Amino acid sequence: MDWDLLKSFEAVAEAGTLSGAARKLKSSPATVGRHIAALEAELKVTLFDRLPEGYAITAAGQEFLPLAHEMSAVAARVVRKGAALEGAGPGVVRIAAGNWFSRLFLQNLAGAVEKMPDVELEIINTYRFADLARRDADIAVRNRRPERGRMVIRSLPEVPSAVYGHADYIARNPAACTDARYRGCRWVGFDREAGHLPSARWLEERRGKPPEVRCLQAINILDGVLGGGGLAVLPCFVGDGEAALERLSPPVVIPESQPWLVIHEDLRRVPAIRAAADWILDLVKDTARSARAA
């Protein structure tokens, strides 16, 4: 059996659509659709019901799915073992992180190039937790400690945040400089889809209502504050780096925002991955120290 057919089956079962599966597989919807049709023909069963809103897995598909997961896990172990046996030569390291940490890494690439001149980096900017067992990434930076899997986990220094506003907005809204800011000012923050994030919950507790300007991506919150749309909670390393913004509160560590650096156990000794992990640890340490000192 062609392994590509099984990969497409698993991806469609997870995404529910051909387009979603194609994005995950870096393929095309047409190719994924052909794979599903070929697999159904080979197995002589219908794996998905084709509905206007997407692909719904059938009872037969549900029976088959655990087997596909097992094969996927074995294939991932083969890939990880190959990476672990590559030796000390250069390689590619894929780092998965949320908006702010992805931005931090990209803005400090000079240090990475100095430490790892022959290593290629892929920065995966995503809120979704990368599945390291399936090699979605080599290193993940998360704000939640993994509870299962053979992972090497290191706590990173907590990076403080603060309230920021554009100088022009503050001049027009004196309440921004007092505790009345939470009720008396407009705010730019996360929308409901991202409302589970620690900084969104922290702001909700103080305001009792959603922000007046709501965004899904953190980088757009920064854009909204720079555009004079209101105040926002930003990591200090983000807000302090913008000359047009003023810090309006003391630095605070948002509860449940402890960052964790995670590597799969099989890859912990790969030189390129170990070097990238050390670079991340040093960078976050320096960033947290600078934010507290400012």
C-alpha atoms as a PDB file:
ATOM      1  CA  MET A   1       0.000   0.000   0.000  1.00  0.00           C
ATOM      2  CA  ASP A   2       1.222   3.487  -0.912  1.00  0.00           C
ATOM      3  CA  TRP A   3       2.087   5.305   2.345  1.00  0.00           C
ATOM      4  CA  ASP A   4       1.031   8.632   0.778  1.00  0.00           C
ATOM      5  CA  LEU A   5      -2.554   7.366   0.640  1.00  0.00           C
ATOM      6  CA  LEU A   6      -2.539   6.716   4.375  1.00  0.00           C
ATOM      7  CA  LYS A   7      -1.029  10.128   5.121  1.00  0.00           C
ATOM      8  CA  SER A   8      -3.780  11.803   3.118  1.00  0.00           C
ATOM      9  CA  PHE A   9      -6.449   9.722   4.872  1.00  0.00           C
ATOM     10  CA  GLU A  10      -5.141  10.703   8.296  1.00  0.00           C
ATOM     11  CA  ALA A  11      -4.882  14.385   7.345  1.00  0.00           C
ATOM     12  CA  VAL A  12      -8.444  14.547   5.957  1.00  0.00           C
ATOM     13  CA  ALA A  13      -9.785  12.779   9.058  1.00  0.00           C
ATOM     14  CA  GLU A  14      -8.120  15.450  11.183  1.00  0.00           C
ATOM     15  CA  ALA A  15      -8.918  18.513   9.055  1.00  0.00           C
ATOM     16  CA  GLY A  16     -12.358  17.559   7.753  1.00  0.00           C
ATOM     17  CA  THR A  17     -11.647  19.137   4.356  1.00  0.00           C
ATOM     18  CA  LEU A  18      -9.376  18.473   1.396  1.00  0.00           C
ATOM     19  CA  SER A  19      -7.983  22.008   1.531  1.00  0.00           C
ATOM     20  CA  GLY A  20      -7.145  21.751   5.225  1.00  0.00           C
ATOM     21  CA  ALA A  21      -5.442  18.399   4.702  1.00  0.00           C
ATOM     22  CA  ALA A  22      -3.541  19.764   1.695  1.00  0.00           C
ATOM     23  CA  ARG A  23      -2.155  22.667   3.761  1.00  0.00           C
ATOM     24  CA  LYS A  24      -0.921  20.237   6.410  1.00  0.00           C
ATOM     25  CA  LEU A  25       0.687  17.965   3.822  1.00  0.00           C
ATOM     26  CA  LYS A  26       2.012  20.841   1.663  1.00  0.00           C
ATOM     27  CA  SER A  27       0.156  19.303  -1.251  1.00  0.00           C
ATOM     28  CA  SER A  28      -2.906  20.235  -3.326  1.00  0.00           C
ATOM     29  CA  PRO A  29      -6.598  19.453  -2.638  1.00  0.00           C
ATOM     30  CA  ALA A  30      -6.809  17.628  -5.967  1.00  0.00           C
ATOM     31  CA  THR A  31      -3.911  15.335  -5.041  1.00  0.00           C
ATOM     32  CA  VAL A  32      -5.362  14.611  -1.599  1.00  0.00           C
ATOM     33  CA  GLY A  33      -8.743  13.861  -3.176  1.00  0.00           C
ATOM     34  CA  ARG A  34      -7.147  11.392  -5.592  1.00  0.00           C
ATOM     35  CA  HIS A  35      -5.379   9.695  -2.688  1.00  0.00           C
ATOM     36  CA  ILE A  36      -8.653   9.244  -0.787  1.00  0.00           C
ATOM     37  CA  ALA A  37     -10.395   7.843  -3.856  1.00  0.00           C
ATOM     38  CA  ALA A  38      -7.491   5.442  -4.538  1.00  0.00           C
ATOM     39  CA  LEU A  39      -7.435   4.247  -0.917  1.00  0.00           C
ATOM     40  CA  GLU A  40     -11.187   3.641  -0.909  1.00  0.00           C
ATOM     41  CA  ALA A  41     -10.880   1.689  -4.149  1.00  0.00           C
ATOM     42  CA  GLU A  42      -8.053  -0.418  -2.750  1.00  0.00           C
ATOM     43  CA  LEU A  43      -9.863  -1.153   0.523  1.00  0.00           C
ATOM     44  CA  LYS A  44     -13.288  -1.421  -1.167  1.00  0.00           C
ATOM     45  CA  VAL A  45     -14.921   0.726   1.548  1.00  0.00           C
ATOM     46  CA  THR A  46     -16.170   4.292   1.798  1.00  0.00           C
ATOM     47  CA  LEU A  47     -13.987   6.169   4.266  1.00  0.00           C
ATOM     48  CA  PHE A  48     -15.675   9.581   4.034  1.00  0.00           C
ATOM     49  CA  ASP A  49     -19.086  10.978   3.246  1.00  0.00           C
ATOM     50  CA  ARG A  50     -18.709  13.908   0.839  1.00  0.00           C
ATOM     51  CA  LEU A  51     -20.807  16.749   2.260  1.00  0.00           C
ATOM     52  CA  PRO A  52     -21.142  20.392   1.149  1.00  0.00           C
ATOM     53  CA  GLU A  53     -19.227  21.525   4.239  1.00  0.00           C
ATOM     54  CA  GLY A  54     -16.443  18.957   3.934  1.00  0.00           C
ATOM     55  CA  TYR A  55     -15.503  15.305   4.416  1.00  0.00           C
ATOM     56  CA  ALA A  56     -17.195  13.435   7.283  1.00  0.00           C
ATOM     57  CA  ILE A  57     -15.489  10.202   8.303  1.00  0.00           C
ATOM     58  CA  THR A  58     -17.698   7.109   8.090  1.00  0.00           C
ATOM     59  CA  ALA A  59     -17.977   4.240  10.565  1.00  0.00           C
ATOM     60  CA  ALA A  60     -15.619   2.233   8.360  1.00  0.00           C
ATOM     61  CA  GLY A  61     -13.187   5.145   8.357  1.00  0.00           C
ATOM     62  CA  GLN A  62     -13.321   5.314  12.152  1.00  0.00           C
ATOM     63  CA  GLU A  63     -12.417   1.608  12.298  1.00  0.00           C
ATOM     64  CA  PHE A  64      -9.444   2.174  10.025  1.00  0.00           C
ATOM     65  CA  LEU A  65      -8.178   5.411  11.615  1.00  0.00           C
ATOM     66  CA  PRO A  66      -6.344   3.870  14.643  1.00  0.00           C
ATOM     67  CA  LEU A  67      -4.347   1.669  12.258  1.00  0.00           C
ATOM     68  CA  ALA A  68      -3.357   4.715  10.229  1.00  0.00           C
ATOM     69  CA  HIS A  69      -2.270   6.456  13.436  1.00  0.00           C
ATOM     70  CA  GLU A  70      -0.096   3.454  14.351  1.00  0.00           C
ATOM     71  CA  MET A  71       1.589   3.479  10.951  1.00  0.00           C
ATOM     72  CA  SER A  72       2.096   7.245  11.178  1.00  0.00           C
ATOM     73  CA  ALA A  73       3.732   6.865  14.580  1.00  0.00           C
ATOM     74  CA  VAL A  74       6.107   4.200  13.264  1.00  0.00           C
ATOM     75  CA  ALA A  75       7.003   6.335  10.252  1.00  0.00           C
ATOM     76  CA  ALA A  76       7.698   9.306  12.525  1.00  0.00           C
ATOM     77  CA  ARG A  77      10.013   7.166  14.663  1.00  0.00           C
ATOM     78  CA  VAL A  78      11.920   6.154  11.541  1.00  0.00           C
ATOM     79  CA  VAL A  79      12.337   9.812  10.563  1.00  0.00           C
ATOM     80  CA  ARG A  80      13.445  10.817  14.063  1.00  0.00           C
ATOM     81  CA  LYS A  81      15.929   7.941  14.205  1.00  0.00           C
ATOM     82  CA  GLY A  82      17.364   9.002  10.860  1.00  0.00           C
ATOM     83  CA  ALA A  83      17.779  12.568  12.144  1.00  0.00           C
ATOM     84  CA  ALA A  84      19.446  11.323  15.316  1.00  0.00           C
ATOM     85  CA  LEU A  85      21.958   9.293  13.266  1.00  0.00           C
ATOM     86  CA  GLU A  86      22.898  12.122  10.910  1.00  0.00           C
ATOM     87  CA  GLY A  87      25.984  12.925  12.954  1.00  0.00           C
ATOM     88  CA  ALA A  88      27.538  16.288  13.634  1.00  0.00           C
ATOM     89  CA  GLY A  89      26.999  17.827  10.209  1.00  0.00           C
ATOM     90  CA  PRO A  90      24.777  20.844   9.409  1.00  0.00           C
ATOM     91  CA  GLY A  91      21.046  20.401   9.139  1.00  0.00           C
ATOM     92  CA  VAL A  92      17.602  21.990   9.225  1.00  0.00           C
ATOM     93  CA  VAL A  93      15.933  22.816  12.540  1.00  0.00           C
ATOM     94  CA  ARG A  94      12.199  23.539  12.626  1.00  0.00           C
ATOM     95  CA  ILE A  95      11.053  25.694  15.565  1.00  0.00           C
ATOM     96  CA  ALA A  96       7.340  26.031  16.358  1.00  0.00           C
ATOM     97  CA  ALA A  97       6.205  28.959  18.514  1.00  0.00           C
ATOM     98  CA  GLY A  98       3.420  31.494  18.903  1.00  0.00           C
ATOM     99  CA  ASN A  99       3.388  34.998  17.446  1.00  0.00           C
ATOM    100  CA  TRP A 100       5.544  36.779  19.988  1.00  0.00           C
ATOM    101  CA  PHE A 101       8.277  34.189  20.376  1.00  0.00           C
ATOM    102  CA  SER A 102       8.419  33.676  16.591  1.00  0.00           C
ATOM    103  CA  ARG A 103       8.903  37.427  16.251  1.00  0.00           C
ATOM    104  CA  LEU A 104      11.594  37.420  18.951  1.00  0.00           C
ATOM    105  CA  PHE A 105      13.522  34.647  17.195  1.00  0.00           C
ATOM    106  CA  LEU A 106      13.317  36.316  13.795  1.00  0.00           C
ATOM    107  CA  GLN A 107      14.421  39.692  15.148  1.00  0.00           C
ATOM    108  CA  ASN A 108      17.498  38.117  16.714  1.00  0.00           C
ATOM    109  CA  LEU A 109      18.714  35.893  13.899  1.00  0.00           C
ATOM    110  CA  ALA A 110      22.204  37.405  14.007  1.00  0.00           C
ATOM    111  CA  GLY A 111      22.885  35.443  17.199  1.00  0.00           C
ATOM    112  CA  ALA A 112      21.610  32.248  15.612  1.00  0.00           C
ATOM    113  CA  VAL A 113      23.805  32.714  12.544  1.00  0.00           C
ATOM    114  CA  GLU A 114      26.823  33.327  14.769  1.00  0.00           C
ATOM    115  CA  LYS A 115      26.230  30.164  16.816  1.00  0.00           C
ATOM    116  CA  MET A 116      24.989  27.966  13.961  1.00  0.00           C
ATOM    117  CA  PRO A 117      26.397  29.266  10.668  1.00  0.00           C
ATOM    118  CA  ASP A 118      25.643  26.051   8.757  1.00  0.00           C
ATOM    119  CA  VAL A 119      22.191  25.342  10.180  1.00  0.00           C
ATOM    120  CA  GLU A 120      19.023  26.261   8.296  1.00  0.00           C
ATOM    121  CA  LEU A 121      16.086  27.418  10.445  1.00  0.00           C
ATOM    122  CA  GLU A 122      12.367  27.118   9.793  1.00  0.00           C
ATOM    123  CA  ILE A 123      10.239  29.248  12.129  1.00  0.00           C
ATOM    124  CA  ILE A 124       6.669  27.925  12.335  1.00  0.00           C
ATOM    125  CA  ASN A 125       4.390  30.638  13.678  1.00  0.00           C
ATOM    126  CA  THR A 126       1.353  28.866  15.111  1.00  0.00           C
ATOM    127  CA  TYR A 127      -0.923  28.757  18.169  1.00  0.00           C
ATOM    128  CA  ARG A 128      -1.517  25.062  17.533  1.00  0.00           C
ATOM    129  CA  PHE A 129       0.744  22.803  19.544  1.00  0.00           C
ATOM    130  CA  ALA A 130       3.135  21.125  17.141  1.00  0.00           C
ATOM    131  CA  ASP A 131       3.121  17.330  17.343  1.00  0.00           C
ATOM    132  CA  LEU A 132       6.790  16.580  17.925  1.00  0.00           C
ATOM    133  CA  ALA A 133       6.184  12.831  17.812  1.00  0.00           C
ATOM    134  CA  ARG A 134       5.117  13.211  14.173  1.00  0.00           C
ATOM    135  CA  ARG A 135       7.989  15.623  13.469  1.00  0.00           C
ATOM    136  CA  ASP A 136       5.744  18.637  12.880  1.00  0.00           C
ATOM    137  CA  ALA A 137       8.716  20.485  14.367  1.00  0.00           C
ATOM    138  CA  ASP A 138      12.016  19.699  16.078  1.00  0.00           C
ATOM    139  CA  ILE A 139      11.637  22.248  18.887  1.00  0.00           C
ATOM    140  CA  ALA A 140       8.452  23.727  20.301  1.00  0.00           C
ATOM    141  CA  VAL A 141       8.098  26.725  22.598  1.00  0.00           C
ATOM    142  CA  ARG A 142       4.781  26.432  24.443  1.00  0.00           C
ATOM    143  CA  ASN A 143       2.974  28.125  27.319  1.00  0.00           C
ATOM    144  CA  ARG A 144       1.690  24.778  28.568  1.00  0.00           C
ATOM    145  CA  ARG A 145       3.839  21.909  29.812  1.00  0.00           C
ATOM    146  CA  PRO A 146       3.290  18.683  27.803  1.00  0.00           C
ATOM    147  CA  GLU A 147       1.688  15.970  29.883  1.00  0.00           C
ATOM    148  CA  ARG A 148       2.557  12.943  27.786  1.00  0.00           C
ATOM    149  CA  GLY A 149       5.058  11.660  25.276  1.00  0.00           C
ATOM    150  CA  ARG A 150       8.792  11.053  25.463  1.00  0.00           C
ATOM    151  CA  MET A 151       9.811  14.693  25.648  1.00  0.00           C
ATOM    152  CA  VAL A 152      12.759  16.634  27.001  1.00  0.00           C
ATOM    153  CA  ILE A 153      11.254  19.691  28.681  1.00  0.00           C
ATOM    154  CA  ARG A 154      13.020  22.826  29.913  1.00  0.00           C
ATOM    155  CA  SER A 155      11.347  25.773  31.581  1.00  0.00           C
ATOM    156  CA  LEU A 156      12.250  29.107  30.036  1.00  0.00           C
ATOM    157  CA  PRO A 157      12.444  32.346  32.054  1.00  0.00           C
ATOM    158  CA  GLU A 158       9.076  34.022  32.460  1.00  0.00           C
ATOM    159  CA  VAL A 159       8.905  37.086  30.222  1.00  0.00           C
ATOM    160  CA  PRO A 160       6.993  39.994  31.824  1.00  0.00           C
ATOM    161  CA  SER A 161       4.272  41.975  30.102  1.00  0.00           C
ATOM    162  CA  ALA A 162       2.865  45.464  30.676  1.00  0.00           C
ATOM    163  CA  VAL A 163       0.163  47.843  29.468  1.00  0.00           C
ATOM    164  CA  TYR A 164       1.175  49.972  26.473  1.00  0.00           C
ATOM    165  CA  GLY A 165      -0.376  52.771  24.491  1.00  0.00           C
ATOM    166  CA  HIS A 166       0.547  55.112  21.666  1.00  0.00           C
ATOM    167  CA  ALA A 167       1.781  58.529  22.842  1.00  0.00           C
ATOM    168  CA  ASP A 168      -0.953  60.316  20.882  1.00  0.00           C
ATOM    169  CA  TYR A 169      -3.714  58.146  22.366  1.00  0.00           C
ATOM    170  CA  ILE A 170      -2.374  58.707  25.890  1.00  0.00           C
ATOM    171  CA  ALA A 171      -2.322  62.482  25.349  1.00  0.00           C
ATOM    172  CA  ARG A 172      -6.012  62.386  24.405  1.00  0.00           C
ATOM    173  CA  ASN A 173      -6.964  59.960  27.196  1.00  0.00           C
ATOM    174  CA  PRO A 174      -5.371  60.851  30.569  1.00  0.00           C
ATOM    175  CA  ALA A 175      -7.102  57.879  32.226  1.00  0.00           C
ATOM    176  CA  ALA A 176      -4.591  55.666  30.415  1.00  0.00           C
ATOM    177  CA  CYS A 177      -2.004  56.653  33.041  1.00  0.00           C
ATOM    178  CA  THR A 178      -4.182  55.552  35.995  1.00  0.00           C
ATOM    179  CA  ASP A 179      -5.969  52.410  37.154  1.00  0.00           C
ATOM    180  CA  ALA A 180      -9.116  53.886  35.585  1.00  0.00           C
ATOM    181  CA  ARG A 181      -7.666  52.768  32.246  1.00  0.00           C
ATOM    182  CA  TYR A 182      -9.435  49.413  32.378  1.00  0.00           C
ATOM    183  CA  ARG A 183     -12.895  51.016  32.229  1.00  0.00           C
ATOM    184  CA  GLY A 184     -12.131  54.445  30.854  1.00  0.00           C
ATOM    185  CA  CYS A 185     -10.100  53.576  27.764  1.00  0.00           C
ATOM    186  CA  ARG A 186     -10.499  51.599  24.590  1.00  0.00           C
ATOM    187  CA  TRP A 187      -8.494  48.393  24.333  1.00  0.00           C
ATOM    188  CA  VAL A 188      -7.080  46.265  21.557  1.00  0.00           C
ATOM    189  CA  GLY A 189      -6.979  42.546  22.364  1.00  0.00           C
ATOM    190  CA  PHE A 190      -7.767  39.016  21.332  1.00  0.00           C
ATOM    191  CA  ASP A 191     -11.104  37.889  19.907  1.00  0.00           C
ATOM    192  CA  ARG A 192     -13.210  35.056  21.301  1.00  0.00           C
ATOM    193  CA  GLU A 193     -11.361  32.370  19.344  1.00  0.00           C
ATOM    194  CA  ALA A 194      -8.131  33.331  21.125  1.00  0.00           C
ATOM    195  CA  GLY A 195      -9.819  34.250  24.399  1.00  0.00           C
ATOM    196  CA  HIS A 196      -8.313  31.234  26.155  1.00  0.00           C
ATOM    197  CA  LEU A 197      -4.806  32.711  25.973  1.00  0.00           C
ATOM    198  CA  PRO A 198      -3.381  33.870  29.329  1.00  0.00           C
ATOM    199  CA  SER A 199      -3.100  37.575  28.458  1.00  0.00           C
ATOM    200  CA  ALA A 200      -6.680  37.616  27.142  1.00  0.00           C
ATOM    201  CA  ARG A 201      -7.968  36.117  30.393  1.00  0.00           C
ATOM    202  CA  TRP A 202      -5.857  38.538  32.455  1.00  0.00           C
ATOM    203  CA  LEU A 203      -7.379  41.548  30.673  1.00  0.00           C
ATOM    204  CA  GLU A 204     -10.923  40.136  30.874  1.00  0.00           C
ATOM    205  CA  GLU A 205     -10.596  39.795  34.655  1.00  0.00           C
ATOM    206  CA  ARG A 206      -9.783  43.504  34.969  1.00  0.00           C
ATOM    207  CA  ARG A 207     -12.283  44.864  32.495  1.00  0.00           C
ATOM    208  CA  GLY A 208     -15.227  42.497  32.784  1.00  0.00           C
ATOM    209  CA  LYS A 209     -15.908  42.964  29.079  1.00  0.00           C
ATOM    210  CA  PRO A 210     -14.178  42.253  25.750  1.00  0.00           C
ATOM    211  CA  PRO A 211     -11.757  44.737  24.182  1.00  0.00           C
ATOM    212  CA  GLU A 212     -13.282  47.240  21.786  1.00  0.00           C
ATOM    213  CA  VAL A 213     -10.921  46.159  18.990  1.00  0.00           C
ATOM    214  CA  ARG A 214     -10.511  42.381  18.694  1.00  0.00           C
ATOM    215  CA  CYS A 215      -7.903  40.410  16.735  1.00  0.00           C
ATOM    216  CA  LEU A 216      -7.022  36.762  16.281  1.00  0.00           C
ATOM    217  CA  GLN A 217      -3.282  37.246  15.773  1.00  0.00           C
ATOM    218  CA  ALA A 218      -1.076  38.878  18.391  1.00  0.00           C
ATOM    219  CA  ILE A 219       0.883  40.848  15.807  1.00  0.00           C
ATOM    220  CA  ASN A 220      -2.354  42.594  14.792  1.00  0.00           C
ATOM    221  CA  ILE A 221      -2.862  43.743  18.391  1.00  0.00           C
ATOM    222  CA  LEU A 222       0.476  45.526  18.115  1.00  0.00           C
ATOM    223  CA  ASP A 223      -0.635  47.079  14.833  1.00  0.00           C
ATOM    224  CA  GLY A 224      -3.849  48.301  16.481  1.00  0.00           C
ATOM    225  CA  VAL A 225      -1.993  49.985  19.342  1.00  0.00           C
ATOM    226  CA  LEU A 226       0.465  51.593  16.948  1.00  0.00           C
ATOM    227  CA  GLY A 227      -2.537  52.831  14.983  1.00  0.00           C
ATOM    228  CA  GLY A 228      -3.917  54.616  18.051  1.00  0.00           C
ATOM    229  CA  GLY A 229      -6.850  52.246  18.541  1.00  0.00           C
ATOM    230  CA  GLY A 230      -6.411  51.923  22.307  1.00  0.00           C
ATOM    231  CA  LEU A 231      -4.305  50.265  24.965  1.00  0.00           C
ATOM    232  CA  ALA A 232      -3.039  46.687  24.977  1.00  0.00           C
ATOM    233  CA  VAL A 233      -1.200  44.128  27.069  1.00  0.00           C
ATOM    234  CA  LEU A 234       2.081  43.337  25.325  1.00  0.00           C
ATOM    235  CA  PRO A 235       5.235  41.448  26.270  1.00  0.00           C
ATOM    236  CA  CYS A 236       7.777  44.024  27.408  1.00  0.00           C
ATOM    237  CA  PHE A 237      10.242  42.931  24.743  1.00  0.00           C
ATOM    238  CA  VAL A 238       7.607  43.877  22.153  1.00  0.00           C
ATOM    239  CA  GLY A 239       6.267  47.111  23.619  1.00  0.00           C
ATOM    240  CA  ASP A 240       9.651  48.482  24.700  1.00  0.00           C
ATOM    241  CA  GLY A 241      10.961  47.995  21.192  1.00  0.00           C
ATOM    242  CA  GLU A 242       8.438  50.419  19.673  1.00  0.00           C
ATOM    243  CA  ALA A 243       9.502  54.070  20.030  1.00  0.00           C
ATOM    244  CA  ALA A 244       5.928  55.323  19.560  1.00  0.00           C
ATOM    245  CA  LEU A 245       4.592  53.312  22.518  1.00  0.00           C
ATOM    246  CA  GLU A 246       4.780  54.125  26.227  1.00  0.00           C
ATOM    247  CA  ARG A 247       4.777  51.601  29.045  1.00  0.00           C
ATOM    248  CA  LEU A 248       1.898  52.488  31.404  1.00  0.00           C
ATOM    249  CA  SER A 249       2.196  49.852  34.124  1.00  0.00           C
ATOM    250  CA  PRO A 250       4.907  47.999  36.014  1.00  0.00           C
ATOM    251  CA  PRO A 251       5.994  44.735  34.408  1.00  0.00           C
ATOM    252  CA  VAL A 252       3.873  41.771  35.445  1.00  0.00           C
ATOM    253  CA  VAL A 253       4.155  38.055  34.787  1.00  0.00           C
ATOM    254  CA  ILE A 254       0.822  36.906  33.367  1.00  0.00           C
ATOM    255  CA  PRO A 255      -0.386  33.756  35.236  1.00  0.00           C
ATOM    256  CA  GLU A 256      -0.113  30.512  33.288  1.00  0.00           C
ATOM    257  CA  SER A 257       2.211  32.091  30.726  1.00  0.00           C
ATOM    258  CA  GLN A 258       5.305  30.115  31.751  1.00  0.00           C
ATOM    259  CA  PRO A 259       7.090  29.202  28.502  1.00  0.00           C
ATOM    260  CA  TRP A 260       8.473  25.705  27.993  1.00  0.00           C
ATOM    261  CA  LEU A 261      11.043  24.503  25.488  1.00  0.00           C
ATOM    262  CA  VAL A 262      10.201  20.995  24.273  1.00  0.00           C
ATOM    263  CA  ILE A 263      12.247  18.513  22.214  1.00  0.00           C
ATOM    264  CA  HIS A 264      11.463  14.898  21.482  1.00  0.00           C
ATOM    265  CA  GLU A 265      13.681  12.497  23.442  1.00  0.00           C
ATOM    266  CA  ASP A 266      14.934  10.871  20.218  1.00  0.00           C
ATOM    267  CA  LEU A 267      16.378  14.168  18.963  1.00  0.00           C
ATOM    268  CA  ARG A 268      17.938  15.618  22.094  1.00  0.00           C
ATOM    269  CA  ARG A 269      21.487  14.744  21.024  1.00  0.00           C
ATOM    270  CA  VAL A 270      21.272  15.969  17.434  1.00  0.00           C
ATOM    271  CA  PRO A 271      23.948  18.707  17.377  1.00  0.00           C
ATOM    272  CA  ALA A 272      21.977  21.234  15.305  1.00  0.00           C
ATOM    273  CA  ILE A 273      18.865  20.853  17.454  1.00  0.00           C
ATOM    274  CA  ARG A 274      20.871  21.083  20.662  1.00  0.00           C
ATOM    275  CA  ALA A 275      22.599  24.249  19.405  1.00  0.00           C
ATOM    276  CA  ALA A 276      19.265  25.829  18.456  1.00  0.00           C
ATOM    277  CA  ALA A 277      17.815  24.998  21.878  1.00  0.00           C
ATOM    278  CA  ASP A 278      20.797  26.620  23.613  1.00  0.00           C
ATOM    279  CA  TRP A 279      20.396  29.725  21.448  1.00  0.00           C
ATOM    280  CA  ILE A 280      16.697  29.986  22.379  1.00  0.00           C
ATOM    281  CA  LEU A 281      17.427  29.556  26.088  1.00  0.00           C
ATOM    282  CA  ASP A 282      20.133  32.253  26.089  1.00  0.00           C
ATOM    283  CA  LEU A 283      17.967  34.642  24.062  1.00  0.00           C
ATOM    284  CA  VAL A 284      14.924  34.299  26.317  1.00  0.00           C
ATOM    285  CA  LYS A 285      17.105  34.688  29.438  1.00  0.00           C
ATOM    286  CA  ASP A 286      18.580  37.948  28.094  1.00  0.00           C
ATOM    287  CA  THR A 287      15.171  39.187  27.002  1.00  0.00           C
ATOM    288  CA  ALA A 288      13.529  38.544  30.383  1.00  0.00           C
ATOM    289  CA  ARG A 289      16.464  40.182  32.215  1.00  0.00           C
ATOM    290  CA  SER A 290      16.303  43.299  30.002  1.00  0.00           C
ATOM    291  CA  ALA A 291      12.532  43.643  30.419  1.00  0.00           C
ATOM    292  CA  ARG A 292      12.778  43.612  34.213  1.00  0.00           C
ATOM    293  CA  ALA A 293      15.640  46.090  34.232  1.00  0.00           C
ATOM    294  CA  ALA A 294      13.918  48.651  31.983  1.00  0.00           C
END
